Amino acid sequence: MKIRNYDQSIRQISAVLVTVTTLLFSGASARGATLWDGVYVDVFGGFSGLSSGDVKQAGQTSEGSYDGGFLSGLAVGKELSPAWSLELEWFYRNNGVDSMNGGVFDGVSDGDFASTNLMFNAIYTFRRDDANEGFFNKISPYVGLGLGAMQEVDIDMNVAGIEQEFSDHWVPSSQIILGAIYPINACFSAFAELRYHYSGSPTLDAENGGGRVDADYDGYSALFGLRYSF
């Protein structure tokens, strides 16, 4: 993992989550509800994949392919109705560099491609009228759309025995979410998701001077998580 100031990023994101949650839900009492009605916290993790893509430097193009990796994160959300909810989430993903073919980085097979992400999601859940009858009837599928940014994206490669690092910050991103959730009891639920995350081809600056790189960054993931509802 090469994302710099990781602990500091965690503290910053935690502060943002708390602040935004308070602002979003501060009007609840005025509407006759408690502050925490409909609020939930998700913790999740699972498989992360990156699509093969171009890594360009100095007018030359390398084709990068990446190993399977992991993704972990958390979210704070608010159910606005039985169907609609909004949430703010943060997650970290990391994938190793499997190979680079052609261009400046031809033959590289050591390194990683990682990012920290801050996303705002809108979720629509398909609730059933007979949700209290039987195991499968309690499973509620949902779809979501997220907009946000990669707080930091970082690719590190060992080139001829020398580690080279390139990074960028606040790269616009979007994602599509398909999932299903199952209530365990009044407070806890389990969920599973498939995601596609799109960030285009950000321009990454060299940390030690030298040329920039343009690197495609499009990810997919399969996640499992646990939700606590207040």
C-alpha atoms as a PDB file:
ATOM      1  CA  MET A   1       0.000   0.000   0.000  1.00  0.00           C
ATOM      2  CA  LYS A   2       1.575   3.267  -1.171  1.00  0.00           C
ATOM      3  CA  ILE A   3      -1.148   5.813  -0.504  1.00  0.00           C
ATOM      4  CA  ARG A   4       0.600   8.492   1.510  1.00  0.00           C
ATOM      5  CA  ASN A   5      -0.653   9.832   4.876  1.00  0.00           C
ATOM      6  CA  TYR A   6      -3.169   6.977   5.137  1.00  0.00           C
ATOM      7  CA  ASP A   7      -3.863   7.480   8.865  1.00  0.00           C
ATOM      8  CA  GLN A   8      -4.349  11.190   8.334  1.00  0.00           C
ATOM      9  CA  SER A   9      -6.754  10.474   5.478  1.00  0.00           C
ATOM     10  CA  ILE A  10      -8.793   8.178   7.739  1.00  0.00           C
ATOM     11  CA  ARG A  11      -9.118  10.926  10.344  1.00  0.00           C
ATOM     12  CA  GLN A  12     -10.078  13.505   7.731  1.00  0.00           C
ATOM     13  CA  ILE A  13     -12.703  11.274   6.146  1.00  0.00           C
ATOM     14  CA  SER A  14     -14.158  10.351   9.553  1.00  0.00           C
ATOM     15  CA  ALA A  15     -14.513  14.044  10.366  1.00  0.00           C
ATOM     16  CA  VAL A  16     -16.195  14.698   7.007  1.00  0.00           C
ATOM     17  CA  LEU A  17     -18.625  11.805   7.533  1.00  0.00           C
ATOM     18  CA  VAL A  18     -19.627  13.084  10.964  1.00  0.00           C
ATOM     19  CA  THR A  19     -20.010  16.683   9.766  1.00  0.00           C
ATOM     20  CA  VAL A  20     -22.047  15.837   6.664  1.00  0.00           C
ATOM     21  CA  THR A  21     -24.255  13.418   8.617  1.00  0.00           C
ATOM     22  CA  THR A  22     -25.060  16.127  11.155  1.00  0.00           C
ATOM     23  CA  LEU A  23     -25.857  18.674   8.434  1.00  0.00           C
ATOM     24  CA  LEU A  24     -28.025  16.272   6.430  1.00  0.00           C
ATOM     25  CA  PHE A  25     -30.097  15.111   9.357  1.00  0.00           C
ATOM     26  CA  SER A  26     -30.215  18.180  11.636  1.00  0.00           C
ATOM     27  CA  GLY A  27     -33.717  19.021  10.429  1.00  0.00           C
ATOM     28  CA  ALA A  28     -35.188  15.689  11.472  1.00  0.00           C
ATOM     29  CA  SER A  29     -36.341  16.861  14.909  1.00  0.00           C
ATOM     30  CA  ALA A  30     -38.263  19.751  13.368  1.00  0.00           C
ATOM     31  CA  ARG A  31     -40.225  17.218  11.290  1.00  0.00           C
ATOM     32  CA  GLY A  32     -41.286  15.269  14.359  1.00  0.00           C
ATOM     33  CA  ALA A  33     -38.594  12.592  14.143  1.00  0.00           C
ATOM     34  CA  THR A  34     -35.461  11.968  16.143  1.00  0.00           C
ATOM     35  CA  LEU A  35     -32.091  12.879  14.719  1.00  0.00           C
ATOM     36  CA  TRP A  36     -31.159   9.260  14.080  1.00  0.00           C
ATOM     37  CA  ASP A  37     -34.386   7.950  12.531  1.00  0.00           C
ATOM     38  CA  GLY A  38     -33.464   6.248   9.262  1.00  0.00           C
ATOM     39  CA  VAL A  39     -29.730   6.738   9.746  1.00  0.00           C
ATOM     40  CA  TYR A  40     -27.448   3.752   9.141  1.00  0.00           C
ATOM     41  CA  VAL A  41     -23.749   2.918   9.073  1.00  0.00           C
ATOM     42  CA  ASP A  42     -22.261   0.392   6.618  1.00  0.00           C
ATOM     43  CA  VAL A  43     -18.927  -1.403   6.895  1.00  0.00           C
ATOM     44  CA  PHE A  44     -17.883  -3.428   3.839  1.00  0.00           C
ATOM     45  CA  GLY A  45     -15.033  -5.142   2.038  1.00  0.00           C
ATOM     46  CA  GLY A  46     -14.250  -7.632  -0.681  1.00  0.00           C
ATOM     47  CA  PHE A  47     -12.692  -8.241  -4.076  1.00  0.00           C
ATOM     48  CA  SER A  48     -11.381  -5.381  -6.210  1.00  0.00           C
ATOM     49  CA  GLY A  49     -10.445  -5.657  -9.881  1.00  0.00           C
ATOM     50  CA  LEU A  50      -9.013  -3.151 -12.337  1.00  0.00           C
ATOM     51  CA  SER A  51      -9.590  -3.360 -16.067  1.00  0.00           C
ATOM     52  CA  SER A  52      -6.510  -3.517 -18.279  1.00  0.00           C
ATOM     53  CA  GLY A  53      -5.693  -0.110 -19.684  1.00  0.00           C
ATOM     54  CA  ASP A  54      -3.170   2.282 -21.182  1.00  0.00           C
ATOM     55  CA  VAL A  55      -0.330   3.852 -19.206  1.00  0.00           C
ATOM     56  CA  LYS A  56       1.148   6.643 -21.314  1.00  0.00           C
ATOM     57  CA  GLN A  57       4.386   8.581 -20.885  1.00  0.00           C
ATOM     58  CA  ALA A  58       6.484  10.633 -23.295  1.00  0.00           C
ATOM     59  CA  GLY A  59       4.222   9.790 -26.220  1.00  0.00           C
ATOM     60  CA  GLN A  60       4.609   6.052 -25.684  1.00  0.00           C
ATOM     61  CA  THR A  61       1.877   3.689 -24.527  1.00  0.00           C
ATOM     62  CA  SER A  62       2.201   0.663 -22.260  1.00  0.00           C
ATOM     63  CA  GLU A  63      -0.676  -1.768 -21.813  1.00  0.00           C
ATOM     64  CA  GLY A  64      -1.104  -2.414 -18.099  1.00  0.00           C
ATOM     65  CA  SER A  65      -2.814  -5.422 -16.552  1.00  0.00           C
ATOM     66  CA  TYR A  66      -3.459  -5.817 -12.829  1.00  0.00           C
ATOM     67  CA  ASP A  67      -3.880  -8.512 -10.211  1.00  0.00           C
ATOM     68  CA  GLY A  68      -7.050  -8.973  -8.209  1.00  0.00           C
ATOM     69  CA  GLY A  69      -6.955  -6.946  -5.002  1.00  0.00           C
ATOM     70  CA  PHE A  70      -9.119  -5.811  -2.138  1.00  0.00           C
ATOM     71  CA  LEU A  71     -11.489  -2.973  -1.327  1.00  0.00           C
ATOM     72  CA  SER A  72     -12.658  -1.884   2.126  1.00  0.00           C
ATOM     73  CA  GLY A  73     -14.673   1.062   3.342  1.00  0.00           C
ATOM     74  CA  LEU A  74     -17.523   2.548   5.332  1.00  0.00           C
ATOM     75  CA  ALA A  75     -20.584   4.683   4.677  1.00  0.00           C
ATOM     76  CA  VAL A  76     -23.107   6.789   6.572  1.00  0.00           C
ATOM     77  CA  GLY A  77     -26.585   6.941   5.057  1.00  0.00           C
ATOM     78  CA  LYS A  78     -30.128   8.172   5.574  1.00  0.00           C
ATOM     79  CA  GLU A  79     -33.343   6.438   4.488  1.00  0.00           C
ATOM     80  CA  LEU A  80     -35.563   9.203   3.100  1.00  0.00           C
ATOM     81  CA  SER A  81     -38.387   6.748   2.390  1.00  0.00           C
ATOM     82  CA  PRO A  82     -38.780   2.943   2.277  1.00  0.00           C
ATOM     83  CA  ALA A  83     -37.320   3.074  -1.245  1.00  0.00           C
ATOM     84  CA  TRP A  84     -34.883   5.984  -1.393  1.00  0.00           C
ATOM     85  CA  SER A  85     -31.746   6.633   0.603  1.00  0.00           C
ATOM     86  CA  LEU A  86     -28.698   8.871   0.336  1.00  0.00           C
ATOM     87  CA  GLU A  87     -25.248   8.057   1.654  1.00  0.00           C
ATOM     88  CA  LEU A  88     -21.719   9.361   1.901  1.00  0.00           C
ATOM     89  CA  GLU A  89     -19.000   6.731   1.692  1.00  0.00           C
ATOM     90  CA  TRP A  90     -15.255   6.357   1.776  1.00  0.00           C
ATOM     91  CA  PHE A  91     -13.281   3.349   0.547  1.00  0.00           C
ATOM     92  CA  TYR A  92      -9.743   2.226  -0.194  1.00  0.00           C
ATOM     93  CA  ARG A  93      -8.805  -0.112  -3.035  1.00  0.00           C
ATOM     94  CA  ASN A  94      -5.490  -1.669  -4.038  1.00  0.00           C
ATOM     95  CA  ASN A  95      -4.398  -3.823  -6.993  1.00  0.00           C
ATOM     96  CA  GLY A  96      -0.942  -5.125  -7.814  1.00  0.00           C
ATOM     97  CA  VAL A  97       0.665  -4.520 -11.208  1.00  0.00           C
ATOM     98  CA  ASP A  98       0.726  -7.841 -13.064  1.00  0.00           C
ATOM     99  CA  SER A  99       2.481  -6.691 -16.245  1.00  0.00           C
ATOM    100  CA  MET A 100       3.253  -3.746 -18.528  1.00  0.00           C
ATOM    101  CA  ASN A 101       3.656  -4.426 -22.243  1.00  0.00           C
ATOM    102  CA  GLY A 102       5.209  -1.963 -24.672  1.00  0.00           C
ATOM    103  CA  GLY A 103       6.167   1.665 -24.207  1.00  0.00           C
ATOM    104  CA  VAL A 104       8.404   3.130 -21.520  1.00  0.00           C
ATOM    105  CA  PHE A 105       7.358   0.587 -18.885  1.00  0.00           C
ATOM    106  CA  ASP A 106       7.650  -2.552 -21.005  1.00  0.00           C
ATOM    107  CA  GLY A 107       8.484  -5.582 -18.865  1.00  0.00           C
ATOM    108  CA  VAL A 108       7.475  -4.055 -15.511  1.00  0.00           C
ATOM    109  CA  SER A 109       5.702  -6.618 -13.303  1.00  0.00           C
ATOM    110  CA  ASP A 110       6.225  -5.200  -9.819  1.00  0.00           C
ATOM    111  CA  GLY A 111       4.160  -2.428  -8.268  1.00  0.00           C
ATOM    112  CA  ASP A 112       0.636  -1.474  -7.260  1.00  0.00           C
ATOM    113  CA  PHE A 113      -2.220   0.837  -8.244  1.00  0.00           C
ATOM    114  CA  ALA A 114      -4.224   2.184  -5.301  1.00  0.00           C
ATOM    115  CA  SER A 115      -6.750   4.883  -4.464  1.00  0.00           C
ATOM    116  CA  THR A 116      -8.781   6.399  -1.662  1.00  0.00           C
ATOM    117  CA  ASN A 117     -12.302   7.432  -2.710  1.00  0.00           C
ATOM    118  CA  LEU A 118     -15.032   9.729  -1.410  1.00  0.00           C
ATOM    119  CA  MET A 119     -18.447   9.132  -2.998  1.00  0.00           C
ATOM    120  CA  PHE A 120     -22.017  10.401  -2.611  1.00  0.00           C
ATOM    121  CA  ASN A 121     -24.559   7.678  -3.502  1.00  0.00           C
ATOM    122  CA  ALA A 122     -28.281   7.659  -4.230  1.00  0.00           C
ATOM    123  CA  ILE A 123     -29.835   4.225  -3.614  1.00  0.00           C
ATOM    124  CA  TYR A 124     -33.224   2.835  -4.665  1.00  0.00           C
ATOM    125  CA  THR A 125     -34.356  -0.302  -2.827  1.00  0.00           C
ATOM    126  CA  PHE A 126     -37.127  -2.570  -4.128  1.00  0.00           C
ATOM    127  CA  ARG A 127     -39.179  -3.378  -1.011  1.00  0.00           C
ATOM    128  CA  ARG A 128     -41.701  -6.244  -0.929  1.00  0.00           C
ATOM    129  CA  ASP A 129     -45.154  -6.080   0.626  1.00  0.00           C
ATOM    130  CA  ASP A 130     -44.714  -9.631   1.963  1.00  0.00           C
ATOM    131  CA  ALA A 131     -41.235  -9.031   3.406  1.00  0.00           C
ATOM    132  CA  ASN A 132     -42.161 -10.620   6.733  1.00  0.00           C
ATOM    133  CA  GLU A 133     -42.981 -13.997   5.176  1.00  0.00           C
ATOM    134  CA  GLY A 134     -40.102 -16.366   4.474  1.00  0.00           C
ATOM    135  CA  PHE A 135     -36.332 -16.031   4.104  1.00  0.00           C
ATOM    136  CA  PHE A 136     -36.213 -15.089   0.417  1.00  0.00           C
ATOM    137  CA  ASN A 137     -39.027 -12.566   0.716  1.00  0.00           C
ATOM    138  CA  LYS A 138     -36.916 -10.629   3.210  1.00  0.00           C
ATOM    139  CA  ILE A 139     -34.165 -10.087   0.639  1.00  0.00           C
ATOM    140  CA  SER A 140     -34.488  -6.630  -0.938  1.00  0.00           C
ATOM    141  CA  PRO A 141     -32.535  -5.863  -4.140  1.00  0.00           C
ATOM    142  CA  TYR A 142     -31.340  -2.337  -4.786  1.00  0.00           C
ATOM    143  CA  VAL A 143     -29.587  -0.199  -7.389  1.00  0.00           C
ATOM    144  CA  GLY A 144     -27.472   2.881  -6.884  1.00  0.00           C
ATOM    145  CA  LEU A 145     -25.566   5.635  -8.615  1.00  0.00           C
ATOM    146  CA  GLY A 146     -22.569   7.348  -7.042  1.00  0.00           C
ATOM    147  CA  LEU A 147     -20.683  10.537  -7.857  1.00  0.00           C
ATOM    148  CA  GLY A 148     -17.541  11.776  -6.183  1.00  0.00           C
ATOM    149  CA  ALA A 149     -13.767  11.737  -6.474  1.00  0.00           C
ATOM    150  CA  MET A 150     -10.655   9.734  -5.843  1.00  0.00           C
ATOM    151  CA  GLN A 151      -9.149  11.647  -2.950  1.00  0.00           C
ATOM    152  CA  GLU A 152      -5.785  10.245  -4.006  1.00  0.00           C
ATOM    153  CA  VAL A 153      -4.753   7.807  -6.737  1.00  0.00           C
ATOM    154  CA  ASP A 154      -1.243   6.387  -6.777  1.00  0.00           C
ATOM    155  CA  ILE A 155       0.644   3.987  -9.062  1.00  0.00           C
ATOM    156  CA  ASP A 156       4.044   2.626  -8.040  1.00  0.00           C
ATOM    157  CA  MET A 157       6.294   0.591 -10.314  1.00  0.00           C
ATOM    158  CA  ASN A 158       9.747  -0.917 -10.027  1.00  0.00           C
ATOM    159  CA  VAL A 159      11.488   0.123 -13.258  1.00  0.00           C
ATOM    160  CA  ALA A 160      14.963  -1.371 -13.767  1.00  0.00           C
ATOM    161  CA  GLY A 161      15.365  -1.739 -10.017  1.00  0.00           C
ATOM    162  CA  ILE A 162      14.261   1.830  -9.266  1.00  0.00           C
ATOM    163  CA  GLU A 163      10.884   2.506  -7.662  1.00  0.00           C
ATOM    164  CA  GLN A 164       8.898   5.174  -9.460  1.00  0.00           C
ATOM    165  CA  GLU A 165       5.753   6.689  -7.974  1.00  0.00           C
ATOM    166  CA  PHE A 166       3.072   8.775  -9.679  1.00  0.00           C
ATOM    167  CA  SER A 167      -0.014  10.289  -8.037  1.00  0.00           C
ATOM    168  CA  ASP A 168      -2.922  12.713  -8.418  1.00  0.00           C
ATOM    169  CA  HIS A 169      -5.663  14.067  -6.148  1.00  0.00           C
ATOM    170  CA  TRP A 170      -9.421  14.697  -6.338  1.00  0.00           C
ATOM    171  CA  VAL A 171     -10.041  12.944  -9.626  1.00  0.00           C
ATOM    172  CA  PRO A 172     -13.782  12.964 -10.569  1.00  0.00           C
ATOM    173  CA  SER A 173     -15.338   9.491 -10.397  1.00  0.00           C
ATOM    174  CA  SER A 174     -18.675   7.734 -10.733  1.00  0.00           C
ATOM    175  CA  GLN A 175     -20.014   4.293  -9.931  1.00  0.00           C
ATOM    176  CA  ILE A 176     -22.964   1.980 -10.513  1.00  0.00           C
ATOM    177  CA  ILE A 177     -24.121  -0.283  -7.687  1.00  0.00           C
ATOM    178  CA  LEU A 178     -26.215  -3.478  -7.793  1.00  0.00           C
ATOM    179  CA  GLY A 179     -26.931  -5.162  -4.484  1.00  0.00           C
ATOM    180  CA  ALA A 180     -29.263  -6.967  -2.122  1.00  0.00           C
ATOM    181  CA  ILE A 181     -29.809  -6.584   1.610  1.00  0.00           C
ATOM    182  CA  TYR A 182     -31.178  -8.976   4.241  1.00  0.00           C
ATOM    183  CA  PRO A 183     -32.350  -7.900   7.729  1.00  0.00           C
ATOM    184  CA  ILE A 184     -30.772  -9.986  10.487  1.00  0.00           C
ATOM    185  CA  ASN A 185     -32.685  -8.303  13.309  1.00  0.00           C
ATOM    186  CA  ALA A 186     -34.112  -4.872  14.163  1.00  0.00           C
ATOM    187  CA  CYS A 187     -30.690  -3.202  14.024  1.00  0.00           C
ATOM    188  CA  PHE A 188     -28.365  -5.297  11.861  1.00  0.00           C
ATOM    189  CA  SER A 189     -28.569  -6.239   8.175  1.00  0.00           C
ATOM    190  CA  ALA A 190     -26.196  -8.051   5.831  1.00  0.00           C
ATOM    191  CA  PHE A 191     -25.707  -7.003   2.218  1.00  0.00           C
ATOM    192  CA  ALA A 192     -23.819  -7.977  -0.934  1.00  0.00           C
ATOM    193  CA  GLU A 193     -22.952  -5.775  -3.906  1.00  0.00           C
ATOM    194  CA  LEU A 194     -21.463  -5.704  -7.377  1.00  0.00           C
ATOM    195  CA  ARG A 195     -19.984  -2.381  -8.485  1.00  0.00           C
ATOM    196  CA  TYR A 196     -18.441  -0.709 -11.505  1.00  0.00           C
ATOM    197  CA  HIS A 197     -16.291   2.351 -10.787  1.00  0.00           C
ATOM    198  CA  TYR A 198     -15.209   4.757 -13.555  1.00  0.00           C
ATOM    199  CA  SER A 199     -12.454   7.369 -13.211  1.00  0.00           C
ATOM    200  CA  GLY A 200     -11.241   7.813 -16.780  1.00  0.00           C
ATOM    201  CA  SER A 201      -7.543   8.392 -17.402  1.00  0.00           C
ATOM    202  CA  PRO A 202      -6.116  10.761 -14.761  1.00  0.00           C
ATOM    203  CA  THR A 203      -2.767  12.486 -15.248  1.00  0.00           C
ATOM    204  CA  LEU A 204      -0.401  11.448 -12.468  1.00  0.00           C
ATOM    205  CA  ASP A 205       2.608  13.533 -11.443  1.00  0.00           C
ATOM    206  CA  ALA A 206       5.968  11.920 -10.715  1.00  0.00           C
ATOM    207  CA  GLU A 207       6.832  12.137  -7.014  1.00  0.00           C
ATOM    208  CA  ASN A 208      10.586  12.438  -7.637  1.00  0.00           C
ATOM    209  CA  GLY A 209      10.497  14.615 -10.719  1.00  0.00           C
ATOM    210  CA  GLY A 210      10.385  13.402 -14.287  1.00  0.00           C
ATOM    211  CA  GLY A 211       7.593  12.881 -16.750  1.00  0.00           C
ATOM    212  CA  ARG A 212       3.913  12.507 -15.938  1.00  0.00           C
ATOM    213  CA  VAL A 213       1.848   9.466 -16.842  1.00  0.00           C
ATOM    214  CA  ASP A 214      -1.752   9.145 -18.016  1.00  0.00           C
ATOM    215  CA  ALA A 215      -3.159   5.906 -16.589  1.00  0.00           C
ATOM    216  CA  ASP A 216      -6.596   4.386 -17.224  1.00  0.00           C
ATOM    217  CA  TYR A 217      -8.383   3.591 -13.959  1.00  0.00           C
ATOM    218  CA  ASP A 218     -11.682   1.685 -14.235  1.00  0.00           C
ATOM    219  CA  GLY A 219     -12.560  -0.775 -11.503  1.00  0.00           C
ATOM    220  CA  TYR A 220     -15.099  -3.426 -10.579  1.00  0.00           C
ATOM    221  CA  SER A 221     -15.724  -5.137  -7.266  1.00  0.00           C
ATOM    222  CA  ALA A 222     -17.736  -7.751  -5.386  1.00  0.00           C
ATOM    223  CA  LEU A 223     -18.428  -6.777  -1.785  1.00  0.00           C
ATOM    224  CA  PHE A 224     -20.015  -8.018   1.412  1.00  0.00           C
ATOM    225  CA  GLY A 225     -20.981  -5.816   4.313  1.00  0.00           C
ATOM    226  CA  LEU A 226     -22.825  -5.284   7.558  1.00  0.00           C
ATOM    227  CA  ARG A 227     -25.272  -2.441   8.267  1.00  0.00           C
ATOM    228  CA  TYR A 228     -26.280  -1.003  11.629  1.00  0.00           C
ATOM    229  CA  SER A 229     -29.532   1.001  11.575  1.00  0.00           C
ATOM    230  CA  PHE A 230     -30.293   3.461  14.361  1.00  0.00           C
END
